[in-house]
Amino acid sequence: MDKGNVVLGALAGLAAGAILGILFAPEKGSDTRKKIVSKGKDTAEDLKEKYNGIIDNLNSKLESVKKVGQNHYDEGKEVVQNAKSKFEGTL
């Protein structure tokens, strides 16, 4: 999860740097506004892709953990049933 935070922080820093660079560039205000909107859309799309990638990765890991947990549950249930049947056989 730390890598995701680092990536998001780096993207936010890049976006801030790009916007500041555009704001201090010697161009007409309308051109500057268009560039800011364009960069904002690009950055938002990049962040959305990163977010979706992180969510997909977490969902994949969650499914894996659920399968492992279900396997442990099934194995434990089988052990209990075997022990129970052995105990009932001794009575």
Protein backbone atom coordinates (compact mmCIF):
# COMPACT_ATOMS: atom_id res chain seq x y z
CA MET A 1 0.00 0.00 0.00
CA ASP A 2 2.95 2.32 0.61
CA LYS A 3 3.90 2.08 -3.07
CA GLY A 4 0.42 3.30 -4.03
CA ASN A 5 0.79 6.32 -1.75
CA VAL A 6 4.20 7.09 -3.22
CA VAL A 7 2.84 6.86 -6.76
CA LEU A 8 -0.13 9.08 -5.94
CA GLY A 9 2.15 11.58 -4.22
CA ALA A 10 4.51 11.64 -7.19
CA LEU A 11 1.62 12.16 -9.61
CA ALA A 12 0.23 14.97 -7.48
CA GLY A 13 3.67 16.60 -7.40
CA LEU A 14 4.01 16.29 -11.15
CA ALA A 15 0.58 17.80 -11.65
CA ALA A 16 1.35 20.71 -9.33
CA GLY A 17 4.66 21.32 -11.08
CA ALA A 18 3.06 21.23 -14.50
CA ILE A 19 0.34 23.68 -13.45
CA LEU A 20 2.86 26.06 -11.89
CA GLY A 21 4.99 25.86 -15.03
CA ILE A 22 2.01 26.74 -17.17
CA LEU A 23 0.93 29.58 -14.87
CA PHE A 24 4.35 31.24 -15.04
CA ALA A 25 4.78 30.74 -18.79
CA PRO A 26 4.62 33.97 -20.83
CA GLU A 27 1.46 33.19 -22.84
CA LYS A 28 -2.03 34.60 -23.25
CA GLY A 29 -4.45 33.87 -20.43
CA SER A 30 -6.83 31.91 -22.67
CA ASP A 31 -4.00 29.66 -23.86
CA THR A 32 -2.86 29.13 -20.29
CA ARG A 33 -6.37 28.21 -19.16
CA LYS A 34 -6.70 25.70 -22.01
CA LYS A 35 -3.39 24.11 -21.04
CA ILE A 36 -4.44 23.91 -17.38
CA VAL A 37 -7.71 22.20 -18.32
CA SER A 38 -5.88 19.79 -20.62
CA LYS A 39 -3.25 18.93 -18.00
CA GLY A 40 -5.97 18.54 -15.37
CA LYS A 41 -7.86 16.07 -17.53
CA ASP A 42 -4.69 14.12 -18.28
CA THR A 43 -3.74 14.00 -14.61
CA ALA A 44 -7.24 12.99 -13.56
CA GLU A 45 -7.19 10.16 -16.11
CA ASP A 46 -3.76 9.00 -14.89
CA LEU A 47 -4.94 9.03 -11.28
CA LYS A 48 -8.09 7.12 -12.24
CA GLU A 49 -6.02 4.45 -14.00
CA LYS A 50 -3.68 4.11 -11.01
CA TYR A 51 -6.63 3.94 -8.61
CA ASN A 52 -8.32 1.24 -10.69
CA GLY A 53 -5.06 -0.70 -10.86
CA ILE A 54 -4.68 -0.57 -7.09
CA ILE A 55 -8.30 -1.62 -6.57
CA ASP A 56 -7.91 -4.53 -9.02
CA ASN A 57 -4.75 -5.62 -7.23
CA LEU A 58 -6.45 -5.47 -3.83
CA ASN A 59 -9.46 -7.41 -5.12
CA SER A 60 -7.17 -10.08 -6.52
CA LYS A 61 -5.35 -10.40 -3.20
CA LEU A 62 -8.65 -10.50 -1.30
CA GLU A 63 -9.93 -13.34 -3.49
CA SER A 64 -6.69 -15.24 -2.93
CA VAL A 65 -6.96 -14.81 0.84
CA LYS A 66 -10.60 -15.90 0.76
CA LYS A 67 -9.66 -19.10 -1.11
CA VAL A 68 -6.88 -19.88 1.36
CA GLY A 69 -9.23 -19.22 4.27
CA GLN A 70 -11.90 -21.46 2.77
CA ASN A 71 -9.34 -24.24 2.28
CA HIS A 72 -8.23 -23.96 5.91
CA TYR A 73 -11.85 -24.00 7.04
CA ASP A 74 -12.60 -27.09 4.97
CA GLU A 75 -9.50 -28.89 6.26
CA GLY A 76 -10.35 -27.98 9.86
CA LYS A 77 -13.91 -29.17 9.41
CA GLU A 78 -12.64 -32.49 8.07
CA VAL A 79 -10.25 -32.91 11.02
CA VAL A 80 -13.09 -32.22 13.47
CA GLN A 81 -15.38 -34.70 11.72
CA ASN A 82 -12.67 -37.38 11.73
CA ALA A 83 -11.94 -36.78 15.41
CA LYS A 84 -15.65 -36.82 16.21
CA SER A 85 -16.21 -40.10 14.39
CA LYS A 86 -13.21 -41.70 16.16
CA PHE A 87 -14.49 -40.44 19.53
CA GLU A 88 -18.00 -41.77 18.86
CA GLY A 89 -16.52 -45.11 17.83
CA THR A 90 -14.87 -45.50 21.21
CA LEU A 91 -18.13 -45.07 23.13
